[in-house]
Protein backbone atom coordinates (compact mmCIF):
# COMPACT_ATOMS: atom_id res chain seq x y z
CA UNK A 1 3.07 45.25 10.66
CA UNK A 2 0.40 45.53 8.01
CA UNK A 3 -2.63 46.21 10.19
CA UNK A 4 -3.43 48.29 13.20
CA UNK A 5 -5.67 46.57 15.71
CA UNK A 6 -8.93 47.80 17.19
CA UNK A 7 -10.69 45.87 19.95
CA UNK A 8 -14.41 45.29 19.88
CA UNK A 9 -15.71 44.17 23.28
CA UNK A 10 -18.75 41.89 23.22
CA UNK A 11 -20.48 41.29 26.56
CA UNK A 12 -22.08 37.91 27.12
CA UNK A 13 -24.38 38.16 30.16
CA UNK A 14 -25.10 35.00 32.15
CA UNK A 15 -26.52 34.58 35.65
CA UNK A 16 -23.31 34.57 37.72
CA UNK A 17 -20.64 34.10 35.14
CA UNK A 18 -20.93 37.25 33.07
CA UNK A 19 -17.74 37.95 31.21
CA UNK A 20 -16.58 39.76 28.10
CA UNK A 21 -14.77 38.56 25.02
CA UNK A 22 -12.49 40.85 23.04
CA UNK A 23 -12.61 40.36 19.30
CA UNK A 24 -9.85 41.91 17.27
CA UNK A 25 -10.77 43.89 14.17
CA UNK A 26 -8.05 45.26 11.92
CA UNK A 27 -8.01 48.75 10.43
CA UNK A 28 -6.27 49.97 7.32
CA UNK A 29 -2.64 51.02 7.88
CA UNK A 30 -3.26 54.37 6.16
CA UNK A 31 -6.74 54.99 7.57
CA UNK A 32 -7.48 53.91 11.18
CA UNK A 33 -11.18 54.75 10.75
CA UNK A 34 -11.83 51.99 8.20
CA UNK A 35 -12.11 48.41 9.45
CA UNK A 36 -11.03 45.30 7.57
CA UNK A 37 -13.22 42.25 8.11
CA UNK A 38 -13.64 38.84 6.54
CA UNK A 39 -16.33 38.80 3.90
CA UNK A 40 -19.11 36.57 5.29
CA UNK A 41 -19.86 35.07 1.85
CA UNK A 42 -16.54 35.22 -0.01
CA UNK A 43 -13.40 34.27 1.97
CA UNK A 44 -11.17 35.38 -0.92
CA UNK A 45 -12.13 39.02 -0.35
CA UNK A 46 -11.92 41.42 2.58
CA UNK A 47 -14.76 43.74 3.51
CA UNK A 48 -14.02 47.41 4.24
CA UNK A 49 -16.38 49.20 6.59
CA UNK A 50 -16.66 52.24 8.87
CA UNK A 51 -18.49 50.20 11.52
CA UNK A 52 -16.68 47.90 14.00
CA UNK A 53 -19.51 45.36 13.88
CA UNK A 54 -18.50 41.71 13.67
CA UNK A 55 -19.79 40.13 11.52
CA UNK A 56 -20.14 43.19 9.30
CA UNK A 57 -23.18 44.15 7.23
CA UNK A 58 -22.22 43.85 3.56
CA UNK A 59 -24.80 46.41 2.39
CA UNK A 60 -23.36 49.10 4.69
CA UNK A 61 -19.73 48.52 3.73
CA UNK A 62 -17.58 50.64 1.43
CA UNK A 63 -16.92 47.56 -0.67
CA UNK A 64 -14.55 44.61 -0.95
CA UNK A 65 -10.91 44.17 -1.84
CA UNK A 66 -8.53 41.36 -2.72
CA UNK A 67 -5.53 43.26 -1.33
CA UNK A 68 -4.82 45.38 1.73
CA UNK A 69 -4.34 48.27 1.47
CA UNK A 70 -6.87 48.39 -1.38
CA UNK A 71 -5.93 49.58 -4.84
CA UNK A 72 -8.18 50.74 -7.69
CA UNK A 73 -7.81 47.38 -9.46
CA UNK A 74 -8.39 45.30 -6.30
CA UNK A 75 -11.37 47.23 -4.91
CA UNK A 76 -15.03 46.65 -5.79
CA UNK A 77 -17.38 49.36 -4.54
CA UNK A 78 -20.58 48.48 -2.73
CA UNK A 79 -23.29 49.96 -4.95
CA UNK A 80 -25.37 50.84 -1.88
CA UNK A 81 -22.66 52.95 -0.25
CA UNK A 82 -22.46 55.93 -2.61
CA UNK A 83 -26.15 56.90 -2.14
CA UNK A 84 -25.65 56.68 1.65
CA UNK A 85 -22.54 58.87 1.46
CA UNK A 86 -24.24 61.44 -0.76
CA UNK A 87 -27.27 61.55 1.53
CA UNK A 88 -25.06 62.46 4.48
CA UNK A 89 -23.08 65.02 2.50
CA UNK A 90 -26.18 66.71 1.12
CA UNK A 91 -27.51 67.11 4.66
CA UNK A 92 -24.39 67.93 6.67
CA UNK A 93 -21.66 69.34 4.38
CA UNK A 94 -23.19 72.81 4.70
CA UNK A 95 -22.46 72.68 8.46
CA UNK A 96 -18.90 71.36 8.23
CA UNK A 97 -16.55 73.92 9.88
CA UNK A 98 -13.93 73.34 7.17
CA UNK A 99 -16.44 73.95 4.40
CA UNK A 100 -17.64 77.13 6.11
CA UNK A 101 -14.06 78.34 6.36
CA UNK A 102 -13.52 77.83 2.65
CA UNK A 103 -16.81 79.55 1.83
CA UNK A 104 -15.64 82.64 3.75
CA UNK A 105 -12.35 82.66 1.86
CA UNK A 106 -14.26 82.27 -1.38
CA UNK A 107 -16.06 85.58 -0.82
CA UNK A 108 -12.90 87.50 0.08
CA UNK A 109 -12.01 90.45 -2.21
CA UNK A 110 -9.41 88.40 -4.04
CA UNK A 111 -11.53 85.28 -4.26
CA UNK A 112 -9.73 82.14 -5.39
CA UNK A 113 -7.32 81.85 -8.26
CA UNK A 114 -9.95 80.13 -10.37
CA UNK A 115 -7.97 80.27 -13.55
CA UNK A 116 -5.27 78.00 -12.13
CA UNK A 117 -7.20 74.76 -12.43
CA UNK A 118 -4.52 72.65 -14.10
CA UNK A 119 -1.47 70.81 -12.84
CA UNK A 120 1.36 70.90 -15.34
CA UNK A 121 -1.24 71.07 -18.08
CA UNK A 122 -2.78 67.73 -17.14
CA UNK A 123 -5.74 67.13 -14.87
CA UNK A 124 -7.37 69.37 -12.30
CA UNK A 125 -5.63 70.91 -9.36
CA UNK A 126 -7.56 71.68 -6.22
CA UNK A 127 -7.99 72.80 -2.68
CA UNK A 128 -9.62 70.46 -0.24
CA UNK A 129 -12.79 72.52 -0.40
CA UNK A 130 -12.46 74.85 -3.35
CA UNK A 131 -14.29 77.19 -5.66
CA UNK A 132 -15.81 76.42 -9.03
CA UNK A 133 -16.69 79.91 -10.22
CA UNK A 134 -17.33 83.32 -8.74
CA UNK A 135 -15.48 84.68 -5.72
CA UNK A 136 -14.76 88.34 -5.06
CA UNK A 137 -18.25 88.99 -3.61
CA UNK A 138 -20.08 87.57 -6.62
CA UNK A 139 -21.11 84.18 -5.27
CA UNK A 140 -20.71 80.82 -6.95
CA UNK A 141 -19.85 77.25 -5.92
CA UNK A 142 -17.26 75.50 -3.78
CA UNK A 143 -16.20 71.88 -4.23
CA UNK A 144 -16.15 69.57 -1.21
CA UNK A 145 -13.34 67.10 -1.71
CA UNK A 146 -11.67 64.05 -0.22
CA UNK A 147 -8.82 64.69 2.22
CA UNK A 148 -6.64 61.79 1.04
CA UNK A 149 -4.94 64.03 -1.54
CA UNK A 150 -4.98 67.65 -0.28
CA UNK A 151 -4.27 69.94 -3.24
CA UNK A 152 -2.45 73.23 -3.22
CA UNK A 153 -4.34 76.30 -2.09
CA UNK A 154 -6.26 78.02 -4.86
CA UNK A 155 -6.50 74.93 -7.07
CA UNK A 156 -9.49 72.72 -7.90
CA UNK A 157 -9.39 69.07 -6.84
CA UNK A 158 -9.06 66.15 -9.22
CA UNK A 159 -12.53 65.01 -10.39
CA UNK A 160 -12.08 61.60 -8.73
CA UNK A 161 -11.57 63.40 -5.37
CA UNK A 162 -14.59 65.74 -5.53
CA UNK A 163 -17.66 64.60 -3.57
CA UNK A 164 -19.84 67.42 -4.79
CA UNK A 165 -20.44 71.16 -4.71
CA UNK A 166 -22.29 73.72 -2.58
CA UNK A 167 -23.57 77.13 -3.62
CA UNK A 168 -22.14 80.19 -1.86
CA UNK A 169 -23.50 83.74 -1.92
CA UNK A 170 -21.40 86.87 -2.36
CA UNK A 171 -21.01 87.28 1.40
CA UNK A 172 -19.45 83.86 1.84
CA UNK A 173 -22.59 82.27 3.27
CA UNK A 174 -23.39 78.73 2.21
CA UNK A 175 -26.70 78.62 0.35
CA UNK A 176 -26.79 74.85 0.13
CA UNK A 177 -28.10 73.25 -3.07
CA UNK A 178 -25.79 70.24 -2.85
CA UNK A 179 -24.76 68.83 -6.23
CA UNK A 180 -23.24 65.34 -6.53
CA UNK A 181 -20.12 65.53 -8.69
CA UNK A 182 -20.76 62.15 -10.27
CA UNK A 183 -16.99 61.65 -10.58
CA UNK A 184 -15.93 60.64 -7.05
CA UNK A 185 -14.10 57.34 -6.52
CA UNK A 186 -13.79 55.68 -3.10
CA UNK A 187 -10.34 54.25 -3.90
CA UNK A 188 -7.71 55.91 -6.06
CA UNK A 189 -3.94 55.63 -6.36
CA UNK A 190 -3.75 58.26 -3.59
CA UNK A 191 -5.70 56.19 -1.08
CA UNK A 192 -9.20 55.48 0.22
CA UNK A 193 -12.13 57.60 1.45
CA UNK A 194 -10.92 60.44 3.69
CA UNK A 195 -13.61 62.63 5.23
CA UNK A 196 -13.23 65.59 7.59
CA UNK A 197 -13.77 64.64 11.27
CA UNK A 198 -17.18 66.33 11.24
CA UNK A 199 -18.47 64.56 8.13
CA UNK A 200 -16.98 61.21 9.13
CA UNK A 201 -18.81 61.43 12.46
CA UNK A 202 -22.10 62.19 10.71
CA UNK A 203 -21.60 59.32 8.26
CA UNK A 204 -20.81 56.81 11.02
CA UNK A 205 -23.86 57.97 12.99
CA UNK A 206 -26.08 57.45 9.96
CA UNK A 207 -24.59 54.02 9.24
CA UNK A 208 -25.27 52.99 12.85
CA UNK A 209 -28.88 54.13 12.48
CA UNK A 210 -29.26 52.06 9.32
CA UNK A 211 -27.62 49.10 11.03
CA UNK A 212 -30.09 49.27 13.91
CA UNK A 213 -33.01 49.48 11.48
CA UNK A 214 -31.77 46.36 9.70
CA UNK A 215 -31.36 44.47 12.99
CA UNK A 216 -34.89 45.37 14.05
CA UNK A 217 -36.28 44.04 10.77
CA UNK A 218 -34.40 40.75 11.04
């Protein structure tokens, strides 16, 4: 079975015959938080979105794909999505419990093994949230990365998996100063966007707010 199924219940109030209709929306087999919907303007492509709205809003989607699950060569990113994602990360990543945990480890006496940033001499290794420089009570930066391809502890994530970086002081406290990596890709050979539960919740909340704003304008 290629898809998992999520039910969206739409209530249709009438005087005495109120009833509800269940519309089935599919989710990706490897990510139950991302919905697959028909593209309202191009039936040859599927729309990928974090919102269970039917019909979906194209401008709030992750993008479109000609195959499910999506692959790098079948996926076209929605150019509006990356700024939305970065806006949420810049505001909320500093409060993510997982990021805070990594920041504390970063300031430990041993710090991270920052010299081990290669895998078999090719590409960058990485921890899910990992250091860029510093450690050992000197301060520096940690990278906030996608969870689709969790790297080994003490390694730096592949550039295509890094959302951005946050500054950490020598005591392991997050200073903030979010920096977009500029290298993140929504779909790679390892899968599609995978946020921590905390950040995914914040992103969905923001998307719903934007969706409501759009509906009020229409």
